[in-house]
Amino acid sequence: MVDFIVFMVLFLGGFYLFGISWSLPTAQGVVFSAGIVLVSLALAYVMRQRGSATRRTDNWNQRGDK
């Protein structure tokens, strides 16, 4: 549950920064870039999770033959 909350805060925070960047008088590019970074971090945070939704035991990231 904590992982989902962290993901949503980062993801929606990034979209919020996308939205407000257009109305700022200065530093629009910096705020927009920060939004891109936050959304990217949110997606990377989700993708780092082990396992899968199918709950298979032979996941690519859990193989012992590497």
N, C-alpha and C. Protein backbone atom coordinates (compact mmCIF):
# COMPACT_ATOMS: atom_id res chain seq x y z
N MET A 1 0.82 -1.19 0.00
CA MET A 1 0.00 0.00 0.00
C MET A 1 0.87 1.26 0.00
N VAL A 2 1.96 1.21 0.73
CA VAL A 2 2.86 2.36 0.78
C VAL A 2 3.47 2.61 -0.59
N ASP A 3 3.81 1.53 -1.30
CA ASP A 3 4.38 1.68 -2.65
C ASP A 3 3.41 2.40 -3.58
N PHE A 4 2.13 2.06 -3.48
CA PHE A 4 1.13 2.70 -4.33
C PHE A 4 1.00 4.19 -3.98
N ILE A 5 1.03 4.52 -2.72
CA ILE A 5 0.92 5.93 -2.30
C ILE A 5 2.12 6.73 -2.80
N VAL A 6 3.32 6.15 -2.66
CA VAL A 6 4.52 6.84 -3.15
C VAL A 6 4.43 7.04 -4.66
N PHE A 7 3.99 5.99 -5.38
CA PHE A 7 3.84 6.11 -6.83
C PHE A 7 2.86 7.22 -7.19
N MET A 8 1.70 7.24 -6.56
CA MET A 8 0.68 8.23 -6.90
C MET A 8 1.13 9.65 -6.58
N VAL A 9 1.82 9.84 -5.47
CA VAL A 9 2.31 11.18 -5.12
C VAL A 9 3.31 11.67 -6.17
N LEU A 10 4.24 10.80 -6.55
CA LEU A 10 5.22 11.19 -7.57
C LEU A 10 4.56 11.41 -8.93
N PHE A 11 3.68 10.50 -9.32
CA PHE A 11 3.06 10.57 -10.64
C PHE A 11 2.14 11.78 -10.77
N LEU A 12 1.25 11.95 -9.81
CA LEU A 12 0.33 13.09 -9.88
C LEU A 12 1.05 14.42 -9.61
N GLY A 13 2.07 14.38 -8.79
CA GLY A 13 2.88 15.58 -8.58
C GLY A 13 3.57 16.04 -9.86
N GLY A 14 4.04 15.07 -10.64
CA GLY A 14 4.65 15.40 -11.93
C GLY A 14 3.65 16.02 -12.89
N PHE A 15 2.44 15.47 -12.93
CA PHE A 15 1.42 16.04 -13.79
C PHE A 15 0.97 17.42 -13.31
N TYR A 16 0.99 17.62 -12.00
CA TYR A 16 0.66 18.94 -11.46
C TYR A 16 1.70 19.97 -11.91
N LEU A 17 2.97 19.56 -11.87
CA LEU A 17 4.02 20.47 -12.33
C LEU A 17 3.91 20.75 -13.82
N PHE A 18 3.51 19.73 -14.61
CA PHE A 18 3.25 19.97 -16.03
C PHE A 18 2.23 21.08 -16.20
N GLY A 19 1.15 21.00 -15.44
CA GLY A 19 0.05 21.94 -15.60
C GLY A 19 0.38 23.35 -15.17
N ILE A 20 1.07 23.49 -14.04
CA ILE A 20 1.34 24.87 -13.57
C ILE A 20 2.49 25.52 -14.32
N SER A 21 3.29 24.73 -15.02
CA SER A 21 4.44 25.33 -15.72
C SER A 21 4.00 26.31 -16.80
N TRP A 22 2.84 26.10 -17.39
CA TRP A 22 2.38 26.97 -18.46
C TRP A 22 1.95 28.34 -17.95
N SER A 23 1.54 28.42 -16.68
CA SER A 23 1.03 29.69 -16.16
C SER A 23 2.08 30.49 -15.39
N LEU A 24 3.27 29.97 -15.24
CA LEU A 24 4.31 30.68 -14.51
C LEU A 24 4.95 31.76 -15.38
N PRO A 25 5.27 32.91 -14.78
CA PRO A 25 5.91 33.96 -15.58
C PRO A 25 7.39 33.66 -15.87
N THR A 26 8.06 32.97 -14.96
CA THR A 26 9.47 32.62 -15.18
C THR A 26 9.69 31.16 -14.80
N ALA A 27 10.79 30.61 -15.23
CA ALA A 27 11.22 29.24 -14.91
C ALA A 27 10.23 28.19 -15.38
N GLN A 28 9.59 28.43 -16.51
CA GLN A 28 8.64 27.45 -17.03
C GLN A 28 9.34 26.16 -17.41
N GLY A 29 10.48 26.28 -18.05
CA GLY A 29 11.21 25.09 -18.48
C GLY A 29 11.71 24.25 -17.32
N VAL A 30 12.14 24.91 -16.25
CA VAL A 30 12.64 24.19 -15.08
C VAL A 30 11.51 23.40 -14.42
N VAL A 31 10.35 24.02 -14.26
CA VAL A 31 9.22 23.36 -13.62
C VAL A 31 8.70 22.22 -14.51
N PHE A 32 8.64 22.45 -15.81
CA PHE A 32 8.19 21.39 -16.72
C PHE A 32 9.17 20.22 -16.69
N SER A 33 10.46 20.51 -16.67
CA SER A 33 11.47 19.45 -16.60
C SER A 33 11.39 18.69 -15.27
N ALA A 34 11.10 19.40 -14.20
CA ALA A 34 10.92 18.73 -12.91
C ALA A 34 9.71 17.79 -12.95
N GLY A 35 8.68 18.17 -13.68
CA GLY A 35 7.52 17.30 -13.86
C GLY A 35 7.89 16.03 -14.61
N ILE A 36 8.71 16.17 -15.64
CA ILE A 36 9.16 15.00 -16.39
C ILE A 36 9.98 14.08 -15.49
N VAL A 37 10.84 14.68 -14.67
CA VAL A 37 11.66 13.87 -13.76
C VAL A 37 10.79 13.14 -12.75
N LEU A 38 9.78 13.80 -12.19
CA LEU A 38 8.91 13.16 -11.21
C LEU A 38 8.12 12.00 -11.82
N VAL A 39 7.58 12.20 -13.01
CA VAL A 39 6.83 11.12 -13.66
C VAL A 39 7.78 9.96 -13.98
N SER A 40 8.98 10.25 -14.43
CA SER A 40 9.95 9.20 -14.72
C SER A 40 10.34 8.43 -13.46
N LEU A 41 10.53 9.15 -12.36
CA LEU A 41 10.85 8.49 -11.10
C LEU A 41 9.70 7.61 -10.62
N ALA A 42 8.47 8.07 -10.82
CA ALA A 42 7.31 7.28 -10.42
C ALA A 42 7.26 5.98 -11.21
N LEU A 43 7.47 6.05 -12.50
CA LEU A 43 7.44 4.84 -13.33
C LEU A 43 8.60 3.91 -13.00
N ALA A 44 9.78 4.47 -12.75
CA ALA A 44 10.93 3.65 -12.37
C ALA A 44 10.69 2.99 -11.01
N TYR A 45 10.03 3.69 -10.10
CA TYR A 45 9.73 3.14 -8.78
C TYR A 45 8.81 1.93 -8.89
N VAL A 46 7.84 2.00 -9.79
CA VAL A 46 6.92 0.88 -9.97
C VAL A 46 7.62 -0.28 -10.66
N MET A 47 8.46 0.00 -11.64
CA MET A 47 9.12 -1.06 -12.40
C MET A 47 10.19 -1.78 -11.61
N ARG A 48 10.66 -1.23 -10.53
CA ARG A 48 11.69 -1.88 -9.73
C ARG A 48 11.13 -3.01 -8.88
N GLN A 49 9.82 -3.12 -8.79
CA GLN A 49 9.18 -4.15 -7.96
C GLN A 49 9.48 -5.54 -8.50
N ARG A 50 9.75 -6.46 -7.61
CA ARG A 50 9.97 -7.85 -8.01
C ARG A 50 8.63 -8.55 -8.20
N GLY A 51 8.64 -9.61 -8.99
CA GLY A 51 7.43 -10.39 -9.19
C GLY A 51 6.57 -9.83 -10.30
N SER A 52 5.39 -10.38 -10.41
CA SER A 52 4.48 -9.93 -11.45
C SER A 52 3.05 -10.11 -10.98
N ALA A 53 2.13 -9.62 -11.76
CA ALA A 53 0.72 -9.73 -11.42
C ALA A 53 0.22 -11.16 -11.55
N THR A 54 0.93 -11.98 -12.32
CA THR A 54 0.50 -13.37 -12.50
C THR A 54 1.00 -14.28 -11.38
N ARG A 55 1.88 -13.79 -10.55
CA ARG A 55 2.45 -14.53 -9.42
C ARG A 55 3.16 -15.81 -9.86
N ARG A 56 3.79 -15.76 -11.04
CA ARG A 56 4.56 -16.92 -11.51
C ARG A 56 5.84 -17.03 -10.70
N THR A 57 6.37 -18.23 -10.59
CA THR A 57 7.63 -18.40 -9.88
C THR A 57 8.81 -18.20 -10.81
N ASP A 58 8.63 -18.30 -12.13
CA ASP A 58 9.73 -18.17 -13.08
C ASP A 58 9.66 -16.80 -13.76
N ASN A 59 9.88 -15.75 -13.01
CA ASN A 59 9.94 -14.41 -13.59
C ASN A 59 11.34 -14.16 -14.12
N TRP A 60 11.46 -13.32 -15.10
CA TRP A 60 12.74 -13.03 -15.72
C TRP A 60 13.73 -12.46 -14.72
N ASN A 61 13.26 -11.63 -13.82
CA ASN A 61 14.19 -11.00 -12.89
C ASN A 61 14.47 -11.88 -11.67
N GLN A 62 13.93 -13.09 -11.61
CA GLN A 62 14.16 -13.96 -10.48
C GLN A 62 14.85 -15.27 -10.87
N ARG A 63 15.31 -15.37 -12.09
CA ARG A 63 15.97 -16.60 -12.53
C ARG A 63 17.31 -16.74 -11.82
N GLY A 64 17.66 -17.95 -11.52
CA GLY A 64 18.93 -18.20 -10.85
C GLY A 64 20.05 -18.55 -11.80
N ASP A 65 19.78 -18.63 -13.11
CA ASP A 65 20.80 -19.05 -14.08
C ASP A 65 21.60 -17.90 -14.66
N LYS A 66 21.52 -16.73 -14.10
CA LYS A 66 22.25 -15.57 -14.65
C LYS A 66 23.66 -15.52 -14.15
